[in-house]
């Protein structure tokens, strides 16, 4: 990640499982990634996404209220540049295909370990550097102009 500082990347974690959220946050924070928020449900995630647009979202596929695939479609409709990594305990081919068609940038498979999680994160960030830099620059400009 040569041209991006990972501390500039705002990450939202969306997962209904407290332990998964906690592990994701801990692993990402230990690598100096900037976890800016967490949501334990789809409704909370959508509320969060109305207030701010993170550069990266770690999004659970299976949630009780709104599916991760529906949230993915919403994210990509309001911010196509946002990098979305789907978090899943299933390798159901239909789900994977739907997520990719809807714009998912990668997958984190549960149970995950720190090495595979960070490998997925680094791969997605490296593959999406240009769009992430655009988002960071735009957010900094908005902040400097007082818009946010």
N, C-alpha and C. Protein backbone atom coordinates (compact mmCIF):
# COMPACT_ATOMS: atom_id res chain seq x y z
N UNK A 1 0.85 -1.19 0.00
CA UNK A 1 0.00 0.00 0.00
C UNK A 1 0.88 1.24 0.00
N UNK A 2 1.56 1.44 -1.10
CA UNK A 2 2.55 2.49 -1.13
C UNK A 2 1.98 3.90 -1.17
N UNK A 3 0.90 4.15 -1.91
CA UNK A 3 0.45 5.53 -2.03
C UNK A 3 -0.68 5.90 -1.05
N UNK A 4 -1.18 4.93 -0.32
CA UNK A 4 -2.24 5.20 0.64
C UNK A 4 -1.76 4.93 2.05
N UNK A 5 -2.15 5.78 2.96
CA UNK A 5 -1.89 5.54 4.37
C UNK A 5 -3.12 4.84 4.93
N UNK A 6 -2.96 3.63 5.43
CA UNK A 6 -4.12 2.87 5.88
C UNK A 6 -4.90 3.57 6.99
N UNK A 7 -4.27 4.52 7.69
CA UNK A 7 -4.99 5.27 8.73
C UNK A 7 -6.00 6.23 8.11
N UNK A 8 -5.83 6.53 6.81
CA UNK A 8 -6.78 7.41 6.11
C UNK A 8 -8.03 6.66 5.64
N UNK A 9 -7.97 5.34 5.65
CA UNK A 9 -9.09 4.53 5.15
C UNK A 9 -10.10 4.30 6.27
N UNK A 10 -11.25 4.91 6.15
CA UNK A 10 -12.31 4.71 7.13
C UNK A 10 -13.02 3.39 6.86
N UNK A 11 -13.06 2.51 7.87
CA UNK A 11 -13.66 1.19 7.70
C UNK A 11 -14.89 1.05 8.60
N UNK A 12 -15.99 0.60 8.00
CA UNK A 12 -17.21 0.27 8.75
C UNK A 12 -17.34 -1.24 8.78
N UNK A 13 -17.56 -1.79 9.98
CA UNK A 13 -17.77 -3.23 10.15
C UNK A 13 -19.25 -3.47 10.40
N UNK A 14 -19.87 -4.31 9.57
CA UNK A 14 -21.29 -4.63 9.70
C UNK A 14 -21.42 -6.15 9.89
N UNK A 15 -21.81 -6.56 11.10
CA UNK A 15 -21.96 -7.98 11.40
C UNK A 15 -22.85 -8.11 12.63
N UNK A 16 -23.84 -9.00 12.58
CA UNK A 16 -24.74 -9.17 13.72
C UNK A 16 -24.10 -9.97 14.85
N UNK A 17 -22.94 -10.60 14.59
CA UNK A 17 -22.26 -11.39 15.61
C UNK A 17 -21.24 -10.53 16.35
N UNK A 18 -21.46 -10.34 17.66
CA UNK A 18 -20.58 -9.49 18.46
C UNK A 18 -19.13 -9.94 18.42
N UNK A 19 -18.91 -11.25 18.47
CA UNK A 19 -17.54 -11.78 18.48
C UNK A 19 -16.85 -11.52 17.14
N UNK A 20 -17.56 -11.73 16.05
CA UNK A 20 -16.98 -11.45 14.73
C UNK A 20 -16.60 -9.97 14.60
N UNK A 21 -17.52 -9.08 15.02
CA UNK A 21 -17.23 -7.64 14.95
C UNK A 21 -16.00 -7.30 15.78
N UNK A 22 -15.96 -7.83 16.99
CA UNK A 22 -14.84 -7.56 17.89
C UNK A 22 -13.52 -8.06 17.31
N UNK A 23 -13.54 -9.26 16.74
CA UNK A 23 -12.31 -9.81 16.14
C UNK A 23 -11.87 -8.99 14.93
N UNK A 24 -12.82 -8.64 14.07
CA UNK A 24 -12.48 -7.80 12.91
C UNK A 24 -11.86 -6.48 13.36
N UNK A 25 -12.51 -5.83 14.32
CA UNK A 25 -12.01 -4.54 14.82
C UNK A 25 -10.60 -4.69 15.39
N UNK A 26 -10.41 -5.70 16.23
CA UNK A 26 -9.12 -5.91 16.88
C UNK A 26 -8.00 -6.16 15.86
N UNK A 27 -8.26 -7.05 14.91
CA UNK A 27 -7.24 -7.39 13.91
C UNK A 27 -6.91 -6.17 13.04
N UNK A 28 -7.95 -5.46 12.59
CA UNK A 28 -7.71 -4.28 11.74
C UNK A 28 -7.00 -3.17 12.51
N UNK A 29 -7.43 -2.91 13.74
CA UNK A 29 -6.77 -1.88 14.54
C UNK A 29 -5.31 -2.24 14.82
N UNK A 30 -5.01 -3.53 15.02
CA UNK A 30 -3.64 -3.95 15.30
C UNK A 30 -2.71 -3.68 14.12
N UNK A 31 -3.29 -3.54 12.92
CA UNK A 31 -2.51 -3.24 11.72
C UNK A 31 -2.64 -1.77 11.31
N UNK A 32 -3.10 -0.94 12.23
CA UNK A 32 -3.22 0.51 12.03
C UNK A 32 -4.27 0.90 10.99
N UNK A 33 -5.23 0.01 10.73
CA UNK A 33 -6.37 0.42 9.91
C UNK A 33 -7.30 1.23 10.80
N UNK A 34 -8.08 2.10 10.19
CA UNK A 34 -8.93 3.03 10.92
C UNK A 34 -10.39 2.57 10.90
N UNK A 35 -10.78 1.82 11.94
CA UNK A 35 -12.17 1.39 12.04
C UNK A 35 -12.97 2.57 12.60
N UNK A 36 -13.84 3.13 11.76
CA UNK A 36 -14.58 4.34 12.15
C UNK A 36 -15.97 4.04 12.68
N UNK A 37 -16.42 2.79 12.53
CA UNK A 37 -17.74 2.47 13.04
C UNK A 37 -18.07 1.00 12.93
N UNK A 38 -19.13 0.64 13.67
CA UNK A 38 -19.62 -0.73 13.66
C UNK A 38 -21.13 -0.70 13.66
N UNK A 39 -21.71 -1.72 13.03
CA UNK A 39 -23.16 -1.86 13.03
C UNK A 39 -23.49 -3.33 13.27
N UNK A 40 -24.46 -3.57 14.16
CA UNK A 40 -24.83 -4.94 14.50
C UNK A 40 -26.06 -5.42 13.74
N UNK A 41 -26.59 -4.56 12.85
CA UNK A 41 -27.74 -4.96 12.05
C UNK A 41 -27.74 -4.17 10.74
N UNK A 42 -28.56 -4.64 9.82
CA UNK A 42 -28.68 -3.93 8.55
C UNK A 42 -29.28 -2.55 8.71
N UNK A 43 -30.26 -2.43 9.59
CA UNK A 43 -30.91 -1.13 9.83
C UNK A 43 -29.90 -0.13 10.37
N UNK A 44 -29.09 -0.56 11.34
CA UNK A 44 -28.07 0.33 11.91
C UNK A 44 -27.04 0.69 10.84
N UNK A 45 -26.67 -0.29 10.00
CA UNK A 45 -25.71 -0.02 8.94
C UNK A 45 -26.23 1.04 7.98
N UNK A 46 -27.49 0.91 7.56
CA UNK A 46 -28.06 1.89 6.63
C UNK A 46 -28.13 3.27 7.27
N UNK A 47 -28.47 3.33 8.55
CA UNK A 47 -28.49 4.59 9.28
C UNK A 47 -27.08 5.20 9.31
N UNK A 48 -26.11 4.37 9.58
CA UNK A 48 -24.72 4.80 9.63
C UNK A 48 -24.29 5.34 8.27
N UNK A 49 -24.67 4.62 7.20
CA UNK A 49 -24.27 5.00 5.86
C UNK A 49 -24.92 6.29 5.38
N UNK A 50 -26.03 6.69 6.02
CA UNK A 50 -26.64 7.99 5.68
C UNK A 50 -25.81 9.13 6.22
N UNK A 51 -25.07 8.88 7.30
CA UNK A 51 -24.30 9.94 7.96
C UNK A 51 -22.90 10.10 7.38
N UNK A 52 -22.33 9.02 6.93
CA UNK A 52 -20.97 9.07 6.40
C UNK A 52 -20.76 7.93 5.41
N UNK A 53 -19.83 8.14 4.51
CA UNK A 53 -19.54 7.08 3.54
C UNK A 53 -18.11 6.62 3.80
N UNK A 54 -17.96 5.42 4.37
CA UNK A 54 -16.62 4.90 4.62
C UNK A 54 -15.96 4.47 3.30
N UNK A 55 -14.64 4.42 3.32
CA UNK A 55 -13.94 3.96 2.12
C UNK A 55 -14.09 2.44 1.95
N UNK A 56 -14.15 1.73 3.10
CA UNK A 56 -14.22 0.27 3.08
C UNK A 56 -15.33 -0.20 4.03
N UNK A 57 -16.09 -1.20 3.60
CA UNK A 57 -17.10 -1.81 4.46
C UNK A 57 -16.83 -3.31 4.50
N UNK A 58 -16.70 -3.86 5.72
CA UNK A 58 -16.66 -5.31 5.93
C UNK A 58 -18.09 -5.69 6.27
N UNK A 59 -18.75 -6.42 5.38
CA UNK A 59 -20.20 -6.62 5.44
C UNK A 59 -20.58 -8.09 5.52
N UNK A 60 -21.22 -8.46 6.62
CA UNK A 60 -21.69 -9.83 6.80
C UNK A 60 -22.79 -10.12 5.78
N UNK A 61 -22.77 -11.29 5.20
CA UNK A 61 -23.77 -11.68 4.21
C UNK A 61 -25.11 -11.98 4.88
N UNK A 62 -25.07 -12.79 5.94
CA UNK A 62 -26.30 -13.25 6.60
C UNK A 62 -26.57 -12.44 7.86
N UNK A 63 -27.63 -11.64 7.82
CA UNK A 63 -28.04 -10.88 9.00
C UNK A 63 -29.55 -11.02 9.15
N UNK A 64 -30.05 -10.85 10.39
CA UNK A 64 -31.46 -11.15 10.64
C UNK A 64 -32.46 -10.18 10.01
N UNK A 65 -32.09 -8.91 9.82
CA UNK A 65 -33.09 -7.94 9.36
C UNK A 65 -33.01 -7.64 7.87
N UNK A 66 -31.84 -7.24 7.41
CA UNK A 66 -31.64 -6.90 6.00
C UNK A 66 -30.41 -7.68 5.55
N UNK A 67 -30.50 -8.37 4.43
CA UNK A 67 -29.36 -9.18 4.01
C UNK A 67 -28.19 -8.30 3.59
N UNK A 68 -27.01 -8.86 3.74
CA UNK A 68 -25.81 -8.16 3.33
C UNK A 68 -25.82 -7.83 1.84
N UNK A 69 -26.46 -8.70 1.04
CA UNK A 69 -26.53 -8.43 -0.40
C UNK A 69 -27.37 -7.19 -0.68
N UNK A 70 -28.46 -6.99 0.08
CA UNK A 70 -29.28 -5.78 -0.10
C UNK A 70 -28.51 -4.54 0.31
N UNK A 71 -27.75 -4.65 1.40
CA UNK A 71 -26.95 -3.51 1.86
C UNK A 71 -25.86 -3.21 0.84
N UNK A 72 -25.24 -4.26 0.29
CA UNK A 72 -24.22 -4.08 -0.75
C UNK A 72 -24.79 -3.30 -1.93
N UNK A 73 -25.98 -3.66 -2.38
CA UNK A 73 -26.61 -2.95 -3.50
C UNK A 73 -26.84 -1.48 -3.15
N UNK A 74 -27.27 -1.22 -1.91
CA UNK A 74 -27.47 0.17 -1.47
C UNK A 74 -26.15 0.93 -1.48
N UNK A 75 -25.10 0.33 -0.90
CA UNK A 75 -23.80 1.00 -0.83
C UNK A 75 -23.33 1.35 -2.24
N UNK A 76 -23.39 0.39 -3.14
CA UNK A 76 -22.89 0.61 -4.50
C UNK A 76 -23.75 1.63 -5.27
N UNK A 77 -25.03 1.75 -4.89
CA UNK A 77 -25.87 2.75 -5.57
C UNK A 77 -25.55 4.17 -5.11
N UNK A 78 -25.17 4.35 -3.85
CA UNK A 78 -24.87 5.70 -3.36
C UNK A 78 -23.38 6.03 -3.45
N UNK A 79 -22.52 5.01 -3.44
CA UNK A 79 -21.08 5.24 -3.51
C UNK A 79 -20.39 4.06 -4.19
N UNK A 80 -20.40 4.05 -5.53
CA UNK A 80 -19.81 2.92 -6.26
C UNK A 80 -18.32 2.70 -5.95
N UNK A 81 -17.63 3.76 -5.49
CA UNK A 81 -16.20 3.64 -5.21
C UNK A 81 -15.91 2.88 -3.92
N UNK A 82 -16.88 2.81 -3.02
CA UNK A 82 -16.64 2.16 -1.73
C UNK A 82 -16.26 0.70 -1.95
N UNK A 83 -15.19 0.29 -1.27
CA UNK A 83 -14.73 -1.10 -1.34
C UNK A 83 -15.52 -1.91 -0.32
N UNK A 84 -16.17 -2.97 -0.78
CA UNK A 84 -16.98 -3.81 0.11
C UNK A 84 -16.42 -5.23 0.12
N UNK A 85 -16.03 -5.66 1.31
CA UNK A 85 -15.58 -7.04 1.50
C UNK A 85 -16.71 -7.78 2.22
N UNK A 86 -17.22 -8.81 1.58
CA UNK A 86 -18.30 -9.60 2.16
C UNK A 86 -17.71 -10.59 3.17
N UNK A 87 -18.32 -10.64 4.36
CA UNK A 87 -17.90 -11.56 5.41
C UNK A 87 -18.92 -12.68 5.45
N UNK A 88 -18.46 -13.91 5.27
CA UNK A 88 -19.41 -15.00 5.18
C UNK A 88 -18.88 -16.29 5.78
N UNK A 89 -19.77 -17.05 6.36
CA UNK A 89 -19.43 -18.36 6.87
C UNK A 89 -19.80 -19.44 5.87
N UNK A 90 -20.31 -19.03 4.73
CA UNK A 90 -20.79 -19.98 3.72
C UNK A 90 -20.04 -19.75 2.43
N UNK A 91 -19.79 -20.82 1.72
CA UNK A 91 -19.18 -20.65 0.40
C UNK A 91 -20.20 -21.02 -0.68
N UNK A 92 -21.45 -20.68 -0.39
CA UNK A 92 -22.55 -20.94 -1.32
C UNK A 92 -22.27 -20.20 -2.63
N UNK A 93 -22.16 -20.96 -3.69
CA UNK A 93 -21.79 -20.39 -5.00
C UNK A 93 -22.76 -19.31 -5.46
N UNK A 94 -24.06 -19.52 -5.29
CA UNK A 94 -25.05 -18.52 -5.71
C UNK A 94 -24.83 -17.19 -4.99
N UNK A 95 -24.56 -17.26 -3.69
CA UNK A 95 -24.34 -16.05 -2.91
C UNK A 95 -23.09 -15.32 -3.39
N UNK A 96 -22.03 -16.08 -3.62
CA UNK A 96 -20.78 -15.48 -4.10
C UNK A 96 -21.00 -14.79 -5.45
N UNK A 97 -21.67 -15.48 -6.37
CA UNK A 97 -21.93 -14.91 -7.70
C UNK A 97 -22.79 -13.64 -7.58
N UNK A 98 -23.85 -13.69 -6.76
CA UNK A 98 -24.70 -12.51 -6.58
C UNK A 98 -23.91 -11.34 -6.02
N UNK A 99 -23.05 -11.63 -5.03
CA UNK A 99 -22.26 -10.56 -4.41
C UNK A 99 -21.29 -9.94 -5.41
N UNK A 100 -20.65 -10.76 -6.21
CA UNK A 100 -19.71 -10.24 -7.21
C UNK A 100 -20.46 -9.40 -8.25
N UNK A 101 -21.60 -9.89 -8.71
CA UNK A 101 -22.39 -9.13 -9.69
C UNK A 101 -22.88 -7.80 -9.11
N UNK A 102 -23.13 -7.77 -7.79
CA UNK A 102 -23.60 -6.55 -7.14
C UNK A 102 -22.46 -5.60 -6.80
N UNK A 103 -21.21 -6.03 -7.03
CA UNK A 103 -20.08 -5.12 -6.84
C UNK A 103 -19.17 -5.42 -5.68
N UNK A 104 -19.29 -6.58 -5.03
CA UNK A 104 -18.38 -6.92 -3.93
C UNK A 104 -16.94 -6.92 -4.44
N UNK A 105 -16.04 -6.41 -3.61
CA UNK A 105 -14.63 -6.34 -3.99
C UNK A 105 -13.82 -7.51 -3.47
N UNK A 106 -14.43 -8.35 -2.63
CA UNK A 106 -13.70 -9.48 -2.08
C UNK A 106 -14.51 -10.16 -1.00
N UNK A 107 -13.92 -11.21 -0.44
CA UNK A 107 -14.60 -12.00 0.58
C UNK A 107 -13.67 -12.29 1.74
N UNK A 108 -14.24 -12.31 2.94
CA UNK A 108 -13.55 -12.77 4.14
C UNK A 108 -14.38 -13.95 4.63
N UNK A 109 -13.78 -15.13 4.65
CA UNK A 109 -14.53 -16.34 5.00
C UNK A 109 -14.35 -16.65 6.49
N UNK A 110 -15.50 -16.85 7.17
CA UNK A 110 -15.48 -17.23 8.58
C UNK A 110 -15.31 -18.74 8.67
N UNK A 111 -14.65 -19.28 9.66
CA UNK A 111 -13.89 -18.51 10.65
C UNK A 111 -12.61 -17.98 10.01
N UNK A 112 -12.29 -16.74 10.27
CA UNK A 112 -11.10 -16.15 9.67
C UNK A 112 -10.00 -16.07 10.72
N UNK A 113 -8.77 -16.07 10.24
CA UNK A 113 -7.64 -15.82 11.13
C UNK A 113 -7.01 -14.50 10.70
N UNK A 114 -6.19 -13.90 11.55
CA UNK A 114 -5.64 -12.59 11.20
C UNK A 114 -4.93 -12.55 9.85
N UNK A 115 -4.17 -13.58 9.54
CA UNK A 115 -3.40 -13.56 8.29
C UNK A 115 -4.32 -13.53 7.06
N UNK A 116 -5.36 -14.35 7.05
CA UNK A 116 -6.23 -14.38 5.87
C UNK A 116 -7.09 -13.11 5.78
N UNK A 117 -7.52 -12.61 6.93
CA UNK A 117 -8.28 -11.35 6.94
C UNK A 117 -7.42 -10.22 6.36
N UNK A 118 -6.21 -10.10 6.85
CA UNK A 118 -5.34 -9.01 6.39
C UNK A 118 -4.94 -9.20 4.93
N UNK A 119 -4.77 -10.44 4.51
CA UNK A 119 -4.46 -10.71 3.11
C UNK A 119 -5.62 -10.23 2.21
N UNK A 120 -6.86 -10.54 2.61
CA UNK A 120 -8.03 -10.09 1.84
C UNK A 120 -8.11 -8.56 1.82
N UNK A 121 -7.86 -7.93 2.96
CA UNK A 121 -7.92 -6.47 3.07
C UNK A 121 -6.84 -5.83 2.19
N UNK A 122 -5.61 -6.30 2.31
CA UNK A 122 -4.52 -5.72 1.51
C UNK A 122 -4.76 -5.90 0.02
N UNK A 123 -5.26 -7.08 -0.37
CA UNK A 123 -5.54 -7.33 -1.78
C UNK A 123 -6.59 -6.34 -2.30
N UNK A 124 -7.68 -6.19 -1.56
CA UNK A 124 -8.76 -5.29 -1.99
C UNK A 124 -8.28 -3.84 -2.05
N UNK A 125 -7.50 -3.43 -1.07
CA UNK A 125 -7.00 -2.04 -1.04
C UNK A 125 -6.03 -1.81 -2.20
N UNK A 126 -5.12 -2.76 -2.41
CA UNK A 126 -4.15 -2.59 -3.50
C UNK A 126 -4.85 -2.55 -4.86
N UNK A 127 -5.86 -3.39 -5.03
CA UNK A 127 -6.60 -3.45 -6.30
C UNK A 127 -7.43 -2.18 -6.53
N UNK A 128 -7.78 -1.49 -5.45
CA UNK A 128 -8.70 -0.35 -5.54
C UNK A 128 -8.04 0.97 -5.14
N UNK A 129 -6.73 1.05 -5.20
CA UNK A 129 -6.02 2.23 -4.71
C UNK A 129 -6.51 3.54 -5.32
N UNK A 130 -6.71 3.55 -6.63
CA UNK A 130 -7.09 4.80 -7.30
C UNK A 130 -8.43 5.32 -6.79
N UNK A 131 -9.45 4.43 -6.73
CA UNK A 131 -10.76 4.88 -6.26
C UNK A 131 -10.73 5.25 -4.77
N UNK A 132 -9.94 4.53 -3.96
CA UNK A 132 -9.84 4.87 -2.54
C UNK A 132 -9.17 6.23 -2.36
N UNK A 133 -8.12 6.49 -3.13
CA UNK A 133 -7.45 7.79 -3.03
C UNK A 133 -8.40 8.91 -3.42
N UNK A 134 -9.22 8.70 -4.44
CA UNK A 134 -10.21 9.70 -4.84
C UNK A 134 -11.17 9.98 -3.69
N UNK A 135 -11.65 8.92 -3.02
CA UNK A 135 -12.59 9.10 -1.90
C UNK A 135 -11.94 9.85 -0.74
N UNK A 136 -10.69 9.50 -0.41
CA UNK A 136 -9.98 10.15 0.70
C UNK A 136 -9.76 11.62 0.37
N UNK A 137 -9.31 11.91 -0.85
CA UNK A 137 -9.07 13.30 -1.26
C UNK A 137 -10.36 14.11 -1.21
N UNK A 138 -11.48 13.51 -1.65
CA UNK A 138 -12.77 14.21 -1.63
C UNK A 138 -13.20 14.51 -0.19
N UNK A 139 -13.05 13.51 0.70
CA UNK A 139 -13.43 13.71 2.10
C UNK A 139 -12.58 14.82 2.75
N UNK A 140 -11.27 14.81 2.46
CA UNK A 140 -10.39 15.85 3.01
C UNK A 140 -10.77 17.24 2.49
N UNK A 141 -11.12 17.32 1.21
CA UNK A 141 -11.54 18.61 0.63
C UNK A 141 -12.83 19.09 1.28
N UNK A 142 -13.79 18.17 1.47
CA UNK A 142 -15.05 18.54 2.13
C UNK A 142 -14.79 19.04 3.55
N UNK A 143 -13.89 18.34 4.23
CA UNK A 143 -13.56 18.72 5.62
C UNK A 143 -12.93 20.10 5.65
N UNK A 144 -11.97 20.34 4.73
CA UNK A 144 -11.28 21.63 4.68
C UNK A 144 -12.21 22.77 4.31
N UNK A 145 -13.25 22.48 3.53
CA UNK A 145 -14.18 23.53 3.13
C UNK A 145 -15.33 23.69 4.13
N UNK A 146 -15.35 22.86 5.17
CA UNK A 146 -16.39 22.97 6.18
C UNK A 146 -17.69 22.23 5.86
N UNK A 147 -17.71 21.47 4.78
CA UNK A 147 -18.93 20.74 4.42
C UNK A 147 -19.21 19.58 5.38
N UNK A 148 -18.15 19.02 5.96
CA UNK A 148 -18.34 17.95 6.96
C UNK A 148 -17.48 18.22 8.17
